[in-house]
C-alpha atoms as a PDB file:
ATOM      1  CA  MET A   1      70.076 -15.642   5.151  1.00  0.00           C
ATOM      2  CA  SER A   2      67.675 -13.525   7.248  1.00  0.00           C
ATOM      3  CA  THR A   3      68.814 -12.435  10.767  1.00  0.00           C
ATOM      4  CA  GLY A   4      66.520 -13.119  13.631  1.00  0.00           C
ATOM      5  CA  PRO A   5      65.535  -9.468  14.129  1.00  0.00           C
ATOM      6  CA  ASP A   6      64.562  -9.517  10.379  1.00  0.00           C
ATOM      7  CA  LEU A   7      62.275 -12.703  10.833  1.00  0.00           C
ATOM      8  CA  ILE A   8      60.551 -11.401  13.872  1.00  0.00           C
ATOM      9  CA  GLN A   9      59.847  -7.796  11.853  1.00  0.00           C
ATOM     10  CA  GLY A  10      58.208  -9.586   8.818  1.00  0.00           C
ATOM     11  CA  PHE A  11      56.030 -12.020  10.813  1.00  0.00           C
ATOM     12  CA  ASN A  12      54.639  -8.683  12.790  1.00  0.00           C
ATOM     13  CA  MET A  13      54.093  -7.225   9.328  1.00  0.00           C
ATOM     14  CA  MET A  14      52.135 -10.346   8.147  1.00  0.00           C
ATOM     15  CA  SER A  15      50.180 -10.435  11.149  1.00  0.00           C
ATOM     16  CA  MET A  16      49.262  -6.922  10.973  1.00  0.00           C
ATOM     17  CA  GLY A  17      48.246  -7.422   7.268  1.00  0.00           C
ATOM     18  CA  GLY A  18      45.975 -10.643   8.168  1.00  0.00           C
ATOM     19  CA  MET A  19      44.188  -8.581  10.878  1.00  0.00           C
ATOM     20  CA  GLY A  20      43.656  -5.998   8.574  1.00  0.00           C
ATOM     21  CA  SER A  21      42.497  -8.041   5.695  1.00  0.00           C
ATOM     22  CA  MET A  22      40.240  -9.707   8.276  1.00  0.00           C
ATOM     23  CA  GLY A  23      38.589  -6.278   9.511  1.00  0.00           C
ATOM     24  CA  GLY A  24      38.117  -5.485   5.919  1.00  0.00           C
ATOM     25  CA  SER A  25      36.151  -8.749   5.547  1.00  0.00           C
ATOM     26  CA  ASN A  26      34.119  -8.422   8.424  1.00  0.00           C
ATOM     27  CA  SER A  27      33.174  -4.749   7.441  1.00  0.00           C
ATOM     28  CA  SER A  28      32.233  -6.101   3.674  1.00  0.00           C
ATOM     29  CA  ASN A  29      30.187  -8.746   5.256  1.00  0.00           C
ATOM     30  CA  SER A  30      28.241  -6.836   7.542  1.00  0.00           C
ATOM     31  CA  THR A  31      27.290  -4.179   4.786  1.00  0.00           C
ATOM     32  CA  HIS A  32      26.264  -7.465   2.669  1.00  0.00           C
ATOM     33  CA  SER A  33      24.177  -8.948   5.536  1.00  0.00           C
ATOM     34  CA  ALA A  34      22.513  -5.674   6.000  1.00  0.00           C
ATOM     35  CA  ASN A  35      21.247  -5.469   2.280  1.00  0.00           C
ATOM     36  CA  GLN A  36      19.752  -9.387   2.988  1.00  0.00           C
ATOM     37  CA  CYS A  37      16.132 -10.146   3.161  1.00  0.00           C
ATOM     38  CA  LYS A  38      14.881 -11.563   6.269  1.00  0.00           C
ATOM     39  CA  ILE A  39      12.740 -14.499   5.220  1.00  0.00           C
ATOM     40  CA  SER A  40      11.531 -17.220   7.716  1.00  0.00           C
ATOM     41  CA  MET A  41       9.760 -20.341   7.276  1.00  0.00           C
ATOM     42  CA  LEU A  42       8.143 -20.096  10.725  1.00  0.00           C
ATOM     43  CA  TRP A  43       5.645 -17.424  12.218  1.00  0.00           C
ATOM     44  CA  ASN A  44       7.482 -14.081  12.426  1.00  0.00           C
ATOM     45  CA  TRP A  45       6.984 -10.408  12.949  1.00  0.00           C
ATOM     46  CA  TYR A  46       9.634  -9.043  11.056  1.00  0.00           C
ATOM     47  CA  THR A  47       9.242  -5.319   9.571  1.00  0.00           C
ATOM     48  CA  ILE A  48      12.608  -4.241   8.286  1.00  0.00           C
ATOM     49  CA  ASP A  49      14.478  -5.896   5.742  1.00  0.00           C
ATOM     50  CA  THR A  50      11.654  -8.240   4.845  1.00  0.00           C
ATOM     51  CA  CYS A  51      11.220  -9.182   0.983  1.00  0.00           C
ATOM     52  CA  PHE A  52       7.794 -10.513  -0.605  1.00  0.00           C
ATOM     53  CA  ILE A  53       7.872 -12.382  -4.166  1.00  0.00           C
ATOM     54  CA  ALA A  54      11.031 -10.770  -5.392  1.00  0.00           C
ATOM     55  CA  ARG A  55      14.349  -9.140  -4.111  1.00  0.00           C
ATOM     56  CA  SER A  56      12.810  -5.788  -5.526  1.00  0.00           C
ATOM     57  CA  TRP A  57       9.839  -5.858  -3.149  1.00  0.00           C
ATOM     58  CA  ARG A  58      12.023  -5.224  -0.199  1.00  0.00           C
ATOM     59  CA  CYS A  59      11.056  -3.049   2.754  1.00  0.00           C
ATOM     60  CA  ASP A  60      14.193  -1.380   4.062  1.00  0.00           C
ATOM     61  CA  THR A  61      11.747   1.301   5.954  1.00  0.00           C
ATOM     62  CA  LYS A  62       8.541   0.836   8.050  1.00  0.00           C
ATOM     63  CA  GLY A  63       6.919   3.055   5.733  1.00  0.00           C
ATOM     64  CA  LYS A  64       7.662   0.637   3.087  1.00  0.00           C
ATOM     65  CA  PHE A  65       6.424  -2.024   5.004  1.00  0.00           C
ATOM     66  CA  ALA A  66       3.292  -0.362   6.047  1.00  0.00           C
ATOM     67  CA  GLY A  67       2.536   0.099   2.290  1.00  0.00           C
ATOM     68  CA  SER A  68       2.814  -3.514   1.552  1.00  0.00           C
ATOM     69  CA  CYS A  69       0.368  -4.339   4.312  1.00  0.00           C
ATOM     70  CA  ILE A  70      -2.056  -1.955   2.725  1.00  0.00           C
ATOM     71  CA  GLY A  71      -1.267  -3.074  -0.792  1.00  0.00           C
ATOM     72  CA  CYS A  72      -1.610  -6.833   0.631  1.00  0.00           C
ATOM     73  CA  PHE A  73      -5.316  -5.827   1.854  1.00  0.00           C
ATOM     74  CA  ALA A  74      -6.139  -4.186  -1.140  1.00  0.00           C
ATOM     75  CA  LEU A  75      -4.944  -7.454  -3.330  1.00  0.00           C
ATOM     76  CA  VAL A  76      -7.297  -9.503  -1.460  1.00  0.00           C
ATOM     77  CA  VAL A  77     -10.217  -6.930  -1.769  1.00  0.00           C
ATOM     78  CA  ALA A  78      -9.487  -6.998  -5.555  1.00  0.00           C
ATOM     79  CA  ALA A  79      -9.735 -10.786  -5.476  1.00  0.00           C
ATOM     80  CA  GLN A  80     -13.007 -10.847  -4.022  1.00  0.00           C
ATOM     81  CA  TRP A  81     -14.588  -8.312  -6.321  1.00  0.00           C
ATOM     82  CA  LEU A  82     -13.272 -10.088  -9.214  1.00  0.00           C
ATOM     83  CA  ASN A  83     -15.124 -13.209  -8.218  1.00  0.00           C
ATOM     84  CA  ARG A  84     -18.163 -11.268  -7.761  1.00  0.00           C
ATOM     85  CA  VAL A  85     -17.962  -9.635 -11.235  1.00  0.00           C
ATOM     86  CA  SER A  86     -17.128 -13.025 -12.956  1.00  0.00           C
ATOM     87  CA  ARG A  87     -20.646 -14.320 -11.438  1.00  0.00           C
ATOM     88  CA  GLN A  88     -22.144 -11.021 -12.387  1.00  0.00           C
ATOM     89  CA  PHE A  89     -21.102 -11.280 -15.792  1.00  0.00           C
ATOM     90  CA  ASP A  90     -22.544 -14.632 -16.297  1.00  0.00           C
ATOM     91  CA  ILE A  91     -25.952 -13.590 -15.026  1.00  0.00           C
ATOM     92  CA  GLU A  92     -26.125 -10.567 -17.490  1.00  0.00           C
ATOM     93  CA  LEU A  93     -25.128 -12.885 -20.395  1.00  0.00           C
ATOM     94  CA  VAL A  94     -27.731 -15.279 -19.376  1.00  0.00           C
ATOM     95  CA  LYS A  95     -30.187 -12.429 -19.524  1.00  0.00           C
ATOM     96  CA  ARG A  96     -29.328 -11.270 -22.847  1.00  0.00           C
ATOM     97  CA  HIS A  97     -29.055 -14.715 -24.365  1.00  0.00           C
ATOM     98  CA  LYS A  98     -32.377 -15.812 -22.948  1.00  0.00           C
ATOM     99  CA  MET A  99     -33.986 -12.755 -24.630  1.00  0.00           C
ATOM    100  CA  LYS A 100     -32.406 -13.389 -27.843  1.00  0.00           C
ATOM    101  CA  TYR A 101     -33.503 -17.215 -27.878  1.00  0.00           C
ATOM    102  CA  LEU A 102     -37.192 -15.961 -26.883  1.00  0.00           C
ATOM    103  CA  GLY A 103     -37.019 -13.528 -29.771  1.00  0.00           C
ATOM    104  CA  ASP A 104     -35.991 -16.041 -32.304  1.00  0.00           C
ATOM    105  CA  GLN A 105     -38.783 -18.488 -31.145  1.00  0.00           C
ATOM    106  CA  LEU A 106     -41.351 -15.671 -31.612  1.00  0.00           C
ATOM    107  CA  SER A 107     -39.849 -15.316 -35.064  1.00  0.00           C
ATOM    108  CA  LYS A 108     -40.441 -18.894 -35.807  1.00  0.00           C
ATOM    109  CA  ASN A 109     -43.933 -18.967 -34.457  1.00  0.00           C
ATOM    110  CA  VAL A 110     -42.995 -21.476 -31.735  1.00  0.00           C
ATOM    111  CA  LEU A 111     -44.297 -18.986 -29.341  1.00  0.00           C
ATOM    112  CA  SER A 112     -47.226 -16.333 -29.802  1.00  0.00           C
ATOM    113  CA  SER A 113     -47.155 -12.995 -28.579  1.00  0.00           C
ATOM    114  CA  ASP A 114     -49.589 -14.021 -25.866  1.00  0.00           C
ATOM    115  CA  ASP A 115     -46.858 -16.108 -24.270  1.00  0.00           C
ATOM    116  CA  VAL A 116     -44.720 -13.024 -24.042  1.00  0.00           C
ATOM    117  CA  THR A 117     -45.201 -10.659 -21.412  1.00  0.00           C
ATOM    118  CA  SER A 118     -46.096  -7.075 -22.725  1.00  0.00           C
ATOM    119  CA  GLU A 119     -43.399  -5.683 -20.545  1.00  0.00           C
ATOM    120  CA  LEU A 120     -41.242  -5.494 -23.692  1.00  0.00           C
ATOM    121  CA  SER A 121     -42.885  -4.475 -27.260  1.00  0.00           C
ATOM    122  CA  ASN A 122     -42.165  -6.730 -30.096  1.00  0.00           C
ATOM    123  CA  ASP A 123     -39.766  -4.186 -31.730  1.00  0.00           C
ATOM    124  CA  GLN A 124     -37.749  -4.138 -28.613  1.00  0.00           C
ATOM    125  CA  LEU A 125     -37.935  -8.156 -28.563  1.00  0.00           C
ATOM    126  CA  HIS A 126     -36.774  -8.232 -32.143  1.00  0.00           C
ATOM    127  CA  GLN A 127     -34.071  -5.596 -31.459  1.00  0.00           C
ATOM    128  CA  ILE A 128     -32.491  -7.762 -28.721  1.00  0.00           C
ATOM    129  CA  THR A 129     -33.005 -11.012 -30.890  1.00  0.00           C
ATOM    130  CA  ASN A 130     -31.052  -9.457 -33.778  1.00  0.00           C
ATOM    131  CA  GLU A 131     -28.138  -7.743 -31.841  1.00  0.00           C
ATOM    132  CA  SER A 132     -24.738  -8.856 -32.888  1.00  0.00           C
ATOM    133  CA  GLY A 133     -22.724 -11.151 -30.464  1.00  0.00           C
ATOM    134  CA  LEU A 134     -20.155  -8.438 -30.044  1.00  0.00           C
ATOM    135  CA  MET A 135     -23.061  -6.328 -28.849  1.00  0.00           C
ATOM    136  CA  THR A 136     -24.049  -8.717 -26.462  1.00  0.00           C
ATOM    137  CA  THR A 137     -20.728  -9.001 -24.826  1.00  0.00           C
ATOM    138  CA  ILE A 138     -20.287  -5.272 -24.693  1.00  0.00           C
ATOM    139  CA  ILE A 139     -23.944  -4.694 -23.229  1.00  0.00           C
ATOM    140  CA  ALA A 140     -23.327  -7.641 -20.537  1.00  0.00           C
ATOM    141  CA  LEU A 141     -19.774  -6.165 -19.727  1.00  0.00           C
ATOM    142  CA  GLN A 142     -21.092  -2.643 -19.558  1.00  0.00           C
ATOM    143  CA  LYS A 143     -24.065  -3.505 -17.003  1.00  0.00           C
ATOM    144  CA  THR A 144     -21.613  -5.816 -15.013  1.00  0.00           C
ATOM    145  CA  LEU A 145     -19.260  -2.898 -14.484  1.00  0.00           C
ATOM    146  CA  SER A 146     -21.779  -0.302 -14.024  1.00  0.00           C
ATOM    147  CA  HIS A 147     -22.230  -2.202 -10.632  1.00  0.00           C
ATOM    148  CA  THR A 148     -26.076  -1.464 -10.193  1.00  0.00           C
ATOM    149  CA  TRP A 149     -25.852  -4.769  -8.627  1.00  0.00           C
ATOM    150  CA  TYR A 150     -23.546  -3.408  -5.809  1.00  0.00           C
ATOM    151  CA  PHE A 151     -26.225  -1.242  -4.280  1.00  0.00           C
ATOM    152  CA  ASN A 152     -28.352  -4.263  -3.260  1.00  0.00           C
ATOM    153  CA  PHE A 153     -27.824  -2.973   0.302  1.00  0.00           C
ATOM    154  CA  CYS A 154     -31.206  -0.938   0.156  1.00  0.00           C
ATOM    155  CA  GLY A 155     -33.034  -3.232  -2.507  1.00  0.00           C
ATOM    156  CA  ARG A 156     -31.765  -3.757  -5.899  1.00  0.00           C
ATOM    157  CA  ARG A 157     -32.051  -0.505  -8.035  1.00  0.00           C
ATOM    158  CA  GLU A 158     -32.715  -1.688 -11.748  1.00  0.00           C
ATOM    159  CA  THR A 159     -33.306   0.435 -14.654  1.00  0.00           C
ATOM    160  CA  ILE A 160     -36.799   0.283 -16.588  1.00  0.00           C
ATOM    161  CA  GLU A 161     -35.250  -1.865 -19.142  1.00  0.00           C
ATOM    162  CA  ASP A 162     -33.719  -4.222 -16.895  1.00  0.00           C
ATOM    163  CA  ASN A 163     -37.112  -4.685 -14.888  1.00  0.00           C
ATOM    164  CA  ALA A 164     -38.764  -5.280 -18.199  1.00  0.00           C
ATOM    165  CA  LEU A 165     -36.381  -7.903 -19.209  1.00  0.00           C
ATOM    166  CA  GLU A 166     -36.657  -9.783 -15.676  1.00  0.00           C
ATOM    167  CA  LYS A 167     -40.334  -9.918 -16.378  1.00  0.00           C
ATOM    168  CA  SER A 168     -40.387 -10.902 -19.779  1.00  0.00           C
ATOM    169  CA  LEU A 169     -38.085 -13.998 -18.917  1.00  0.00           C
ATOM    170  CA  SER A 170     -40.953 -15.429 -16.869  1.00  0.00           C
ATOM    171  CA  CYS A 171     -42.350 -17.008 -20.354  1.00  0.00           C
ATOM    172  CA  CYS A 172     -39.247 -18.930 -20.807  1.00  0.00           C
ATOM    173  CA  SER A 173     -41.036 -22.102 -19.450  1.00  0.00           C
ATOM    174  CA  ALA A 174     -43.344 -21.693 -22.496  1.00  0.00           C
ATOM    175  CA  ALA A 175     -40.265 -22.104 -24.918  1.00  0.00           C
ATOM    176  CA  PRO A 176     -38.377 -25.421 -25.629  1.00  0.00           C
ATOM    177  CA  SER A 177     -35.722 -26.149 -23.213  1.00  0.00           C
ATOM    178  CA  VAL A 178     -32.194 -25.297 -24.738  1.00  0.00           C
ATOM    179  CA  GLN A 179     -28.780 -24.920 -23.072  1.00  0.00           C
ATOM    180  CA  ILE A 180     -27.350 -21.540 -23.411  1.00  0.00           C
ATOM    181  CA  TYR A 181     -23.608 -21.542 -24.231  1.00  0.00           C
ATOM    182  CA  PRO A 182     -21.465 -18.496 -24.412  1.00  0.00           C
ATOM    183  CA  SER A 183     -20.357 -17.107 -27.685  1.00  0.00           C
ATOM    184  CA  PHE A 184     -16.465 -17.175 -28.699  1.00  0.00           C
ATOM    185  CA  LEU A 185     -16.194 -13.459 -27.525  1.00  0.00           C
ATOM    186  CA  ASP A 186     -18.102 -14.300 -24.324  1.00  0.00           C
ATOM    187  CA  HIS A 187     -15.870 -16.922 -23.490  1.00  0.00           C
ATOM    188  CA  ILE A 188     -12.850 -15.094 -24.088  1.00  0.00           C
ATOM    189  CA  VAL A 189     -13.800 -12.480 -21.700  1.00  0.00           C
ATOM    190  CA  ARG A 190     -14.946 -15.088 -19.018  1.00  0.00           C
ATOM    191  CA  VAL A 191     -11.400 -16.752 -19.578  1.00  0.00           C
ATOM    192  CA  GLY A 192      -9.629 -13.671 -18.866  1.00  0.00           C
ATOM    193  CA  VAL A 193     -11.406 -12.624 -15.748  1.00  0.00           C
ATOM    194  CA  PHE A 194     -10.683 -16.256 -14.510  1.00  0.00           C
ATOM    195  CA  VAL A 195      -6.967 -15.972 -15.235  1.00  0.00           C
ATOM    196  CA  LEU A 196      -6.959 -12.902 -13.066  1.00  0.00           C
ATOM    197  CA  GLN A 197      -8.629 -14.536 -10.220  1.00  0.00           C
ATOM    198  CA  TRP A 198      -6.167 -17.533 -10.776  1.00  0.00           C
ATOM    199  CA  GLY A 199      -3.100 -15.187 -10.900  1.00  0.00           C
ATOM    200  CA  LEU A 200      -4.491 -13.306  -7.831  1.00  0.00           C
ATOM    201  CA  SER A 201      -5.156 -16.377  -5.833  1.00  0.00           C
ATOM    202  CA  TYR A 202      -1.902 -17.725  -6.185  1.00  0.00           C
ATOM    203  CA  ILE A 203      -0.069 -14.414  -5.290  1.00  0.00           C
ATOM    204  CA  ILE A 204      -1.994 -14.280  -2.149  1.00  0.00           C
ATOM    205  CA  MET A 205      -0.636 -17.907  -1.305  1.00  0.00           C
ATOM    206  CA  LEU A 206       2.590 -17.076  -1.809  1.00  0.00           C
ATOM    207  CA  LEU A 207       2.249 -14.051   0.302  1.00  0.00           C
ATOM    208  CA  PHE A 208       1.023 -15.990   3.230  1.00  0.00           C
ATOM    209  CA  MET A 209       4.073 -18.495   2.656  1.00  0.00           C
ATOM    210  CA  TYR A 210       6.474 -15.656   4.315  1.00  0.00           C
ATOM    211  CA  TYR A 211       4.424 -16.466   7.471  1.00  0.00           C
ATOM    212  CA  ASN A 212       4.801 -13.180   8.324  1.00  0.00           C
ATOM    213  CA  GLY A 213       2.068 -11.908  10.945  1.00  0.00           C
ATOM    214  CA  TYR A 214       1.298  -8.604   9.756  1.00  0.00           C
ATOM    215  CA  ILE A 215       0.953  -9.644   6.066  1.00  0.00           C
ATOM    216  CA  ILE A 216      -1.315 -12.528   7.105  1.00  0.00           C
ATOM    217  CA  ILE A 217      -3.510 -10.091   9.111  1.00  0.00           C
ATOM    218  CA  SER A 218      -3.665  -7.560   6.376  1.00  0.00           C
ATOM    219  CA  CYS A 219      -4.902 -10.538   4.256  1.00  0.00           C
ATOM    220  CA  ILE A 220      -7.527 -11.702   6.449  1.00  0.00           C
ATOM    221  CA  ILE A 221      -8.746  -8.277   6.794  1.00  0.00           C
ATOM    222  CA  GLY A 222      -8.858  -7.792   3.010  1.00  0.00           C
ATOM    223  CA  ALA A 223     -10.950 -10.778   2.956  1.00  0.00           C
ATOM    224  CA  PHE A 224     -13.428 -10.022   5.335  1.00  0.00           C
ATOM    225  CA  VAL A 225     -13.814  -6.222   4.050  1.00  0.00           C
ATOM    226  CA  GLY A 226     -14.085  -7.797   0.432  1.00  0.00           C
ATOM    227  CA  ARG A 227     -16.807 -10.279   1.141  1.00  0.00           C
ATOM    228  CA  PHE A 228     -18.616  -7.745   2.905  1.00  0.00           C
ATOM    229  CA  LEU A 229     -18.791  -5.549   0.053  1.00  0.00           C
ATOM    230  CA  PHE A 230     -18.943  -7.665  -2.949  1.00  0.00           C
ATOM    231  CA  ASN A 231     -20.977 -10.693  -1.662  1.00  0.00           C
ATOM    232  CA  TYR A 232     -24.297  -9.297  -0.545  1.00  0.00           C
ATOM    233  CA  GLU A 233     -26.769 -11.068  -2.801  1.00  0.00           C
ATOM    234  CA  PRO A 234     -30.157 -13.083  -2.524  1.00  0.00           C
ATOM    235  CA  LEU A 235     -29.783 -16.198  -0.425  1.00  0.00           C
ATOM    236  CA  GLY A 236     -32.523 -17.947  -2.375  1.00  0.00           C
ATOM    237  CA  ILE A 237     -35.843 -17.689  -3.954  1.00  0.00           C
ATOM    238  CA  CYS A 238     -39.094 -18.192  -2.232  1.00  0.00           C
ATOM    239  CA  GLY A 239     -42.498 -19.080  -4.533  1.00  0.00           C
ATOM    240  CA  GLY A 240     -43.125 -18.925  -7.741  1.00  0.00           C
ATOM    241  CA  SER A 241     -42.360 -21.752 -10.397  1.00  0.00           C
ATOM    242  CA  ASN A 242     -38.672 -21.551 -10.519  1.00  0.00           C
ATOM    243  CA  GLY A 243     -37.132 -25.054 -10.607  1.00  0.00           C
ATOM    244  CA  ASN A 244     -34.326 -23.817  -8.725  1.00  0.00           C
ATOM    245  CA  SER A 245     -35.999 -22.477  -5.731  1.00  0.00           C
ATOM    246  CA  SER A 246     -33.773 -24.491  -3.441  1.00  0.00           C
ATOM    247  CA  LEU A 247     -30.532 -23.072  -4.807  1.00  0.00           C
ATOM    248  CA  VAL A 248     -28.939 -21.076  -2.249  1.00  0.00           C
ATOM    249  CA  ALA A 249     -25.923 -18.329  -2.894  1.00  0.00           C
ATOM    250  CA  HIS A 250     -23.267 -20.978  -1.899  1.00  0.00           C
ATOM    251  CA  ASP A 251     -24.314 -23.032  -4.414  1.00  0.00           C
ATOM    252  CA  ARG A 252     -23.880 -20.669  -7.335  1.00  0.00           C
ATOM    253  CA  GLU A 253     -20.219 -20.199  -6.134  1.00  0.00           C
ATOM    254  CA  GLU A 254     -19.277 -23.810  -6.284  1.00  0.00           C
ATOM    255  CA  ASN A 255     -17.568 -23.721  -9.487  1.00  0.00           C
ATOM    256  CA  ASP A 256     -15.975 -20.692  -8.593  1.00  0.00           C
ATOM    257  CA  ARG A 257     -13.593 -21.622  -5.824  1.00  0.00           C
ATOM    258  CA  LYS A 258      -9.821 -21.368  -6.319  1.00  0.00           C
ATOM    259  CA  CYS A 259      -6.936 -21.435  -4.118  1.00  0.00           C
ATOM    260  CA  CYS A 260      -6.994 -18.624  -1.550  1.00  0.00           C
ATOM    261  CA  MET A 261     -10.418 -17.529  -2.655  1.00  0.00           C
END
């Protein structure tokens, strides 16, 4: 049986061991908490150790956080660019399909040569009419990505062919009315652009849900800059025989509205 001094010595050793283990646990917890993400469902101004979307997107330095703010700004600008590109691609597609339809009506003698403006020769018109669906999509996409529409700040700068196409389309009122549908390839491209817009819009929404003031302000500035750069276009049409003269720019965007766009 153990004596009194032995019991006291054993108790002291156990106490010291327990305190040591507690100290080690605190040190481990301190290290673990330093690697945790700062996330709040209330408005906050966190910078260091903030995480967004995934744990791998962790800002453990001020430089990384500043880069995240710039990235969020660029993301919203890109979303506005895609919004405009989507509409512009439809505009270019409609032009090409209208010309193909007019050329087809000419070849069937539904329209006479007098009905079509002389801006385009019959050979040019028939060439557009006979172009493949793939070429129509490629040309429309090329004209969209060339960003000639971007320079509307000083008046639209069109090529000679574009100007001739615009004037030739004035004879559409002489042709039988028909609805223009995109080809299968046209639709695939349009759906692809929409999916990109849709994905970006929800990523932006998720970024807002972190309630980080710096990130939200960066997104708002991005929306302002993106809208300013990529949405300068005519508000409407005055005069002429256009049946949609009361249509304004806001109406053209009605079907393009998505979350956070």
